[in-house]
């Protein structure tokens, strides 16, 4: 097994988190939302939710990615992880524009996470039976 693909996806996830952090910082300046406030202008609220939702999703994604890479297939996990990243980027861009546009990106990332979860579960459980 090579960990290069899951490691690359992990780095891309970190870049995505940094990107959402900068979006929130820019929105704070643009809409004069001073910390510790977490709401105000609707455009700021959407960008803030993108950051928080991405953090929340990452907590589920990374364990699934690495368990799938170790116990299922590192290459497949990497490619499915790339789909997750693409879905989260699509989600972030869409949600920042309008809340009702976020569904497709969310759906792609959610499906990718389910595939990783199933792959990891199969890889862990199959040898036990």
N, C-alpha and C. Protein backbone atom coordinates (compact mmCIF):
# COMPACT_ATOMS: atom_id res chain seq x y z
N UNK A 1 0.83 -1.18 0.00
CA UNK A 1 0.00 0.00 0.00
C UNK A 1 0.87 1.24 0.00
N UNK A 2 0.50 2.17 -0.80
CA UNK A 2 1.19 3.45 -0.77
C UNK A 2 0.25 4.50 -0.18
N UNK A 3 0.77 5.26 0.72
CA UNK A 3 -0.04 6.28 1.40
C UNK A 3 0.02 7.61 0.68
N UNK A 4 0.64 7.66 -0.49
CA UNK A 4 0.81 8.94 -1.19
C UNK A 4 -0.54 9.58 -1.55
N UNK A 5 -1.47 8.81 -2.08
CA UNK A 5 -2.77 9.40 -2.47
C UNK A 5 -3.56 9.90 -1.27
N UNK A 6 -3.76 9.10 -0.24
CA UNK A 6 -4.48 9.63 0.93
C UNK A 6 -3.75 10.80 1.59
N UNK A 7 -2.42 10.76 1.58
CA UNK A 7 -1.66 11.87 2.16
C UNK A 7 -1.88 13.15 1.34
N UNK A 8 -1.87 13.02 0.02
CA UNK A 8 -2.13 14.18 -0.84
C UNK A 8 -3.54 14.74 -0.59
N UNK A 9 -4.51 13.86 -0.47
CA UNK A 9 -5.88 14.29 -0.20
C UNK A 9 -5.95 14.98 1.16
N UNK A 10 -5.23 14.47 2.14
CA UNK A 10 -5.20 15.10 3.45
C UNK A 10 -4.63 16.52 3.35
N UNK A 11 -3.56 16.68 2.58
CA UNK A 11 -3.00 18.02 2.38
C UNK A 11 -3.99 18.94 1.67
N UNK A 12 -4.69 18.42 0.67
CA UNK A 12 -5.71 19.22 -0.01
C UNK A 12 -6.82 19.63 0.94
N UNK A 13 -7.16 18.74 1.87
CA UNK A 13 -8.17 19.06 2.88
C UNK A 13 -7.69 20.24 3.74
N UNK A 14 -6.41 20.21 4.12
CA UNK A 14 -5.85 21.31 4.91
C UNK A 14 -5.89 22.62 4.11
N UNK A 15 -5.55 22.55 2.85
CA UNK A 15 -5.62 23.74 1.99
C UNK A 15 -7.05 24.26 1.91
N UNK A 16 -8.01 23.37 1.80
CA UNK A 16 -9.42 23.77 1.77
C UNK A 16 -9.81 24.46 3.08
N UNK A 17 -9.37 23.91 4.20
CA UNK A 17 -9.67 24.53 5.49
C UNK A 17 -9.04 25.92 5.60
N UNK A 18 -7.82 26.06 5.12
CA UNK A 18 -7.16 27.38 5.13
C UNK A 18 -7.93 28.34 4.23
N UNK A 19 -8.34 27.87 3.06
CA UNK A 19 -9.12 28.70 2.14
C UNK A 19 -10.40 29.21 2.80
N UNK A 20 -11.13 28.33 3.47
CA UNK A 20 -12.37 28.77 4.12
C UNK A 20 -12.08 29.73 5.26
N UNK A 21 -10.95 29.55 5.93
CA UNK A 21 -10.56 30.48 6.99
C UNK A 21 -10.33 31.88 6.42
N UNK A 22 -9.65 31.97 5.28
CA UNK A 22 -9.43 33.26 4.65
C UNK A 22 -10.72 33.87 4.12
N UNK A 23 -11.64 33.03 3.63
CA UNK A 23 -12.94 33.56 3.21
C UNK A 23 -13.66 34.24 4.37
N UNK A 24 -13.64 33.59 5.53
CA UNK A 24 -14.31 34.16 6.70
C UNK A 24 -13.62 35.45 7.12
N UNK A 25 -12.29 35.46 7.12
CA UNK A 25 -11.57 36.68 7.47
C UNK A 25 -11.90 37.83 6.56
N UNK A 26 -11.94 37.55 5.26
CA UNK A 26 -12.31 38.58 4.29
C UNK A 26 -13.74 39.07 4.48
N UNK A 27 -14.64 38.14 4.76
CA UNK A 27 -16.04 38.52 4.98
C UNK A 27 -16.18 39.32 6.27
N UNK A 28 -15.39 39.00 7.28
CA UNK A 28 -15.42 39.79 8.52
C UNK A 28 -15.07 41.25 8.23
N UNK A 29 -14.00 41.44 7.44
CA UNK A 29 -13.59 42.81 7.10
C UNK A 29 -14.65 43.49 6.23
N UNK A 30 -15.12 42.78 5.22
CA UNK A 30 -16.07 43.38 4.26
C UNK A 30 -17.37 43.81 4.94
N UNK A 31 -17.88 42.99 5.86
CA UNK A 31 -19.18 43.26 6.47
C UNK A 31 -19.06 43.77 7.91
N UNK A 32 -17.83 44.08 8.35
CA UNK A 32 -17.58 44.63 9.69
C UNK A 32 -18.19 43.75 10.79
N UNK A 33 -17.94 42.45 10.68
CA UNK A 33 -18.37 41.50 11.72
C UNK A 33 -17.13 41.22 12.57
N UNK A 34 -17.08 41.81 13.75
CA UNK A 34 -15.90 41.71 14.60
C UNK A 34 -16.01 40.52 15.55
N UNK A 35 -14.89 39.82 15.71
CA UNK A 35 -14.83 38.68 16.62
C UNK A 35 -15.17 39.16 18.03
N UNK A 36 -15.88 38.39 18.78
CA UNK A 36 -16.24 36.99 18.61
C UNK A 36 -17.58 36.77 17.91
N UNK A 37 -18.18 37.80 17.33
CA UNK A 37 -19.47 37.64 16.65
C UNK A 37 -19.36 36.59 15.55
N UNK A 38 -20.40 35.80 15.40
CA UNK A 38 -20.42 34.76 14.36
C UNK A 38 -21.64 34.89 13.46
N UNK A 39 -22.28 36.03 13.49
CA UNK A 39 -23.38 36.27 12.56
C UNK A 39 -23.54 37.77 12.38
N UNK A 40 -24.30 38.12 11.37
CA UNK A 40 -24.52 39.52 11.05
C UNK A 40 -25.13 39.63 9.68
N UNK A 41 -24.33 39.98 8.72
CA UNK A 41 -24.78 40.09 7.33
C UNK A 41 -25.02 38.69 6.75
N UNK A 42 -26.09 38.49 5.99
CA UNK A 42 -26.37 37.15 5.43
C UNK A 42 -25.23 36.57 4.59
N UNK A 43 -24.50 37.43 3.86
CA UNK A 43 -23.37 36.93 3.07
C UNK A 43 -22.25 36.43 3.98
N UNK A 44 -22.01 37.12 5.08
CA UNK A 44 -21.03 36.64 6.06
C UNK A 44 -21.49 35.33 6.68
N UNK A 45 -22.77 35.28 7.05
CA UNK A 45 -23.30 34.07 7.70
C UNK A 45 -23.10 32.83 6.84
N UNK A 46 -23.31 32.96 5.53
CA UNK A 46 -23.14 31.81 4.64
C UNK A 46 -21.68 31.37 4.58
N UNK A 47 -20.77 32.33 4.46
CA UNK A 47 -19.34 32.00 4.40
C UNK A 47 -18.89 31.37 5.72
N UNK A 48 -19.38 31.90 6.83
CA UNK A 48 -19.04 31.33 8.13
C UNK A 48 -19.56 29.90 8.23
N UNK A 49 -20.77 29.65 7.75
CA UNK A 49 -21.32 28.28 7.78
C UNK A 49 -20.52 27.35 6.88
N UNK A 50 -20.03 27.84 5.76
CA UNK A 50 -19.17 27.01 4.90
C UNK A 50 -17.96 26.55 5.69
N UNK A 51 -17.32 27.47 6.42
CA UNK A 51 -16.15 27.09 7.20
C UNK A 51 -16.51 26.08 8.28
N UNK A 52 -17.55 26.34 9.03
CA UNK A 52 -17.92 25.44 10.13
C UNK A 52 -18.36 24.07 9.59
N UNK A 53 -19.16 24.07 8.53
CA UNK A 53 -19.62 22.80 7.96
C UNK A 53 -18.45 21.99 7.40
N UNK A 54 -17.46 22.68 6.83
CA UNK A 54 -16.28 21.98 6.30
C UNK A 54 -15.46 21.38 7.44
N UNK A 55 -15.32 22.12 8.52
CA UNK A 55 -14.63 21.56 9.70
C UNK A 55 -15.37 20.34 10.23
N UNK A 56 -16.69 20.44 10.35
CA UNK A 56 -17.49 19.32 10.85
C UNK A 56 -17.37 18.11 9.93
N UNK A 57 -17.42 18.33 8.64
CA UNK A 57 -17.33 17.23 7.68
C UNK A 57 -15.94 16.59 7.70
N UNK A 58 -14.92 17.39 7.93
CA UNK A 58 -13.56 16.88 7.97
C UNK A 58 -13.37 15.87 9.10
N UNK A 59 -14.04 16.09 10.21
CA UNK A 59 -13.94 15.19 11.36
C UNK A 59 -14.41 13.78 10.99
N UNK A 60 -15.38 13.66 10.11
CA UNK A 60 -15.84 12.35 9.66
C UNK A 60 -15.02 11.83 8.48
N UNK A 61 -14.61 12.75 7.62
CA UNK A 61 -13.93 12.37 6.39
C UNK A 61 -12.55 11.75 6.62
N UNK A 62 -11.70 12.41 7.39
CA UNK A 62 -10.32 11.94 7.52
C UNK A 62 -10.20 10.53 8.10
N UNK A 63 -10.94 10.18 9.16
CA UNK A 63 -10.85 8.79 9.61
C UNK A 63 -11.33 7.80 8.55
N UNK A 64 -12.40 8.13 7.85
CA UNK A 64 -12.89 7.23 6.79
C UNK A 64 -11.86 7.09 5.69
N UNK A 65 -11.24 8.20 5.30
CA UNK A 65 -10.20 8.17 4.26
C UNK A 65 -9.06 7.24 4.65
N UNK A 66 -8.52 7.42 5.85
CA UNK A 66 -7.35 6.65 6.25
C UNK A 66 -7.68 5.20 6.58
N UNK A 67 -8.84 4.96 7.16
CA UNK A 67 -9.23 3.56 7.39
C UNK A 67 -9.45 2.84 6.06
N UNK A 68 -10.06 3.52 5.10
CA UNK A 68 -10.25 2.92 3.78
C UNK A 68 -8.90 2.69 3.10
N UNK A 69 -7.98 3.62 3.26
CA UNK A 69 -6.66 3.48 2.63
C UNK A 69 -5.89 2.30 3.21
N UNK A 70 -5.97 2.11 4.50
CA UNK A 70 -5.22 1.04 5.16
C UNK A 70 -5.89 -0.32 5.00
N UNK A 71 -7.20 -0.36 5.12
CA UNK A 71 -7.90 -1.65 5.19
C UNK A 71 -8.65 -2.03 3.91
N UNK A 72 -8.73 -1.14 2.95
CA UNK A 72 -9.44 -1.43 1.71
C UNK A 72 -8.47 -1.30 0.56
N UNK A 73 -8.25 -0.07 0.06
CA UNK A 73 -7.37 0.14 -1.08
C UNK A 73 -6.95 1.61 -1.09
N UNK A 74 -5.66 1.87 -0.99
CA UNK A 74 -5.16 3.25 -0.89
C UNK A 74 -5.46 4.06 -2.15
N UNK A 75 -5.35 3.41 -3.33
CA UNK A 75 -5.61 4.13 -4.57
C UNK A 75 -7.08 4.52 -4.67
N UNK A 76 -7.97 3.57 -4.43
CA UNK A 76 -9.39 3.88 -4.46
C UNK A 76 -9.75 4.93 -3.43
N UNK A 77 -9.20 4.80 -2.25
CA UNK A 77 -9.47 5.78 -1.19
C UNK A 77 -9.01 7.16 -1.63
N UNK A 78 -7.87 7.24 -2.28
CA UNK A 78 -7.37 8.53 -2.77
C UNK A 78 -8.29 9.14 -3.80
N UNK A 79 -8.73 8.34 -4.74
CA UNK A 79 -9.63 8.87 -5.79
C UNK A 79 -10.99 9.27 -5.21
N UNK A 80 -11.50 8.47 -4.32
CA UNK A 80 -12.78 8.81 -3.69
C UNK A 80 -12.60 10.05 -2.81
N UNK A 81 -11.46 10.14 -2.14
CA UNK A 81 -11.15 11.34 -1.36
C UNK A 81 -11.07 12.58 -2.22
N UNK A 82 -10.54 12.44 -3.43
CA UNK A 82 -10.50 13.56 -4.37
C UNK A 82 -11.91 14.01 -4.73
N UNK A 83 -12.82 13.05 -4.89
CA UNK A 83 -14.22 13.39 -5.16
C UNK A 83 -14.81 14.15 -3.97
N UNK A 84 -14.43 13.75 -2.75
CA UNK A 84 -14.90 14.45 -1.55
C UNK A 84 -14.42 15.90 -1.57
N UNK A 85 -13.13 16.09 -1.87
CA UNK A 85 -12.56 17.45 -1.95
C UNK A 85 -13.31 18.26 -3.01
N UNK A 86 -13.52 17.68 -4.17
CA UNK A 86 -14.24 18.38 -5.24
C UNK A 86 -15.65 18.77 -4.79
N UNK A 87 -16.31 17.85 -4.12
CA UNK A 87 -17.65 18.13 -3.62
C UNK A 87 -17.66 19.25 -2.60
N UNK A 88 -16.68 19.25 -1.71
CA UNK A 88 -16.63 20.31 -0.69
C UNK A 88 -16.28 21.67 -1.30
N UNK A 89 -15.43 21.69 -2.32
CA UNK A 89 -15.13 22.95 -3.00
C UNK A 89 -16.37 23.46 -3.71
N UNK A 90 -17.07 22.56 -4.41
CA UNK A 90 -18.32 22.90 -5.09
C UNK A 90 -19.33 23.44 -4.07
N UNK A 91 -19.44 22.75 -2.95
CA UNK A 91 -20.32 23.16 -1.86
C UNK A 91 -19.97 24.57 -1.38
N UNK A 92 -18.68 24.80 -1.12
CA UNK A 92 -18.23 26.10 -0.59
C UNK A 92 -18.55 27.23 -1.55
N UNK A 93 -18.23 27.04 -2.81
CA UNK A 93 -18.49 28.09 -3.80
C UNK A 93 -19.98 28.34 -3.94
N UNK A 94 -20.75 27.27 -4.01
CA UNK A 94 -22.20 27.40 -4.20
C UNK A 94 -22.88 28.02 -2.99
N UNK A 95 -22.54 27.55 -1.80
CA UNK A 95 -23.17 28.05 -0.58
C UNK A 95 -22.82 29.52 -0.35
N UNK A 96 -21.59 29.92 -0.67
CA UNK A 96 -21.20 31.32 -0.52
C UNK A 96 -22.05 32.23 -1.42
N UNK A 97 -22.49 31.70 -2.56
CA UNK A 97 -23.34 32.49 -3.46
C UNK A 97 -24.79 32.55 -2.99
N UNK A 98 -25.33 31.39 -2.65
CA UNK A 98 -26.73 31.31 -2.19
C UNK A 98 -26.93 29.97 -1.50
N UNK A 99 -27.60 30.00 -0.36
CA UNK A 99 -27.78 28.79 0.45
C UNK A 99 -28.48 27.68 -0.32
N UNK A 100 -29.41 28.00 -1.18
CA UNK A 100 -30.16 26.97 -1.89
C UNK A 100 -29.35 26.28 -2.99
N UNK A 101 -28.13 26.73 -3.26
CA UNK A 101 -27.30 26.11 -4.29
C UNK A 101 -26.34 25.05 -3.75
N UNK A 102 -26.32 24.85 -2.44
CA UNK A 102 -25.30 24.01 -1.82
C UNK A 102 -25.53 22.51 -1.96
N UNK A 103 -26.70 22.08 -2.37
CA UNK A 103 -27.08 20.67 -2.33
C UNK A 103 -26.22 19.73 -3.16
N UNK A 104 -25.88 20.08 -4.38
CA UNK A 104 -25.15 19.16 -5.25
C UNK A 104 -23.74 18.89 -4.72
N UNK A 105 -23.05 19.93 -4.31
CA UNK A 105 -21.71 19.74 -3.75
C UNK A 105 -21.74 18.93 -2.47
N UNK A 106 -22.73 19.22 -1.62
CA UNK A 106 -22.91 18.44 -0.39
C UNK A 106 -23.15 16.98 -0.74
N UNK A 107 -24.01 16.73 -1.72
CA UNK A 107 -24.35 15.37 -2.11
C UNK A 107 -23.14 14.58 -2.59
N UNK A 108 -22.31 15.21 -3.41
CA UNK A 108 -21.12 14.53 -3.92
C UNK A 108 -20.17 14.18 -2.77
N UNK A 109 -19.92 15.13 -1.88
CA UNK A 109 -19.03 14.87 -0.75
C UNK A 109 -19.61 13.81 0.18
N UNK A 110 -20.91 13.86 0.42
CA UNK A 110 -21.56 12.88 1.29
C UNK A 110 -21.45 11.48 0.69
N UNK A 111 -21.72 11.36 -0.60
CA UNK A 111 -21.61 10.06 -1.28
C UNK A 111 -20.18 9.53 -1.20
N UNK A 112 -19.21 10.40 -1.44
CA UNK A 112 -17.81 9.97 -1.36
C UNK A 112 -17.48 9.46 0.05
N UNK A 113 -17.97 10.15 1.06
CA UNK A 113 -17.71 9.72 2.43
C UNK A 113 -18.36 8.37 2.72
N UNK A 114 -19.55 8.14 2.19
CA UNK A 114 -20.22 6.85 2.38
C UNK A 114 -19.42 5.74 1.71
N UNK A 115 -18.90 6.00 0.50
CA UNK A 115 -18.08 4.99 -0.18
C UNK A 115 -16.85 4.67 0.65
N UNK A 116 -16.20 5.68 1.20
CA UNK A 116 -15.03 5.44 2.06
C UNK A 116 -15.42 4.64 3.30
N UNK A 117 -16.54 4.98 3.89
CA UNK A 117 -17.01 4.27 5.09
C UNK A 117 -17.29 2.80 4.77
N UNK A 118 -17.95 2.55 3.66
CA UNK A 118 -18.26 1.17 3.26
C UNK A 118 -16.97 0.42 2.92
N UNK A 119 -16.07 1.08 2.18
CA UNK A 119 -14.79 0.44 1.86
C UNK A 119 -13.99 0.10 3.10
N UNK A 120 -13.93 1.03 4.03
CA UNK A 120 -13.19 0.78 5.27
C UNK A 120 -13.85 -0.34 6.07
N UNK A 121 -15.17 -0.32 6.15
CA UNK A 121 -15.90 -1.35 6.89
C UNK A 121 -15.68 -2.72 6.27
N UNK A 122 -15.78 -2.79 4.96
CA UNK A 122 -15.54 -4.06 4.26
C UNK A 122 -14.13 -4.57 4.53
N UNK A 123 -13.16 -3.67 4.37
CA UNK A 123 -11.77 -4.06 4.57
C UNK A 123 -11.49 -4.52 5.99
N UNK A 124 -12.15 -3.92 6.96
CA UNK A 124 -11.96 -4.32 8.36
C UNK A 124 -12.71 -5.58 8.72
N UNK A 125 -13.93 -5.73 8.22
CA UNK A 125 -14.79 -6.82 8.66
C UNK A 125 -14.64 -8.10 7.85
N UNK A 126 -14.33 -8.00 6.57
CA UNK A 126 -14.26 -9.19 5.71
C UNK A 126 -13.30 -10.26 6.26
N UNK A 127 -12.12 -9.87 6.72
CA UNK A 127 -11.21 -10.91 7.24
C UNK A 127 -11.70 -11.59 8.53
N UNK A 128 -12.65 -10.97 9.20
CA UNK A 128 -13.15 -11.54 10.46
C UNK A 128 -14.15 -12.66 10.24
N UNK A 129 -14.66 -12.78 9.01
CA UNK A 129 -15.72 -13.78 8.77
C UNK A 129 -15.30 -14.79 7.76
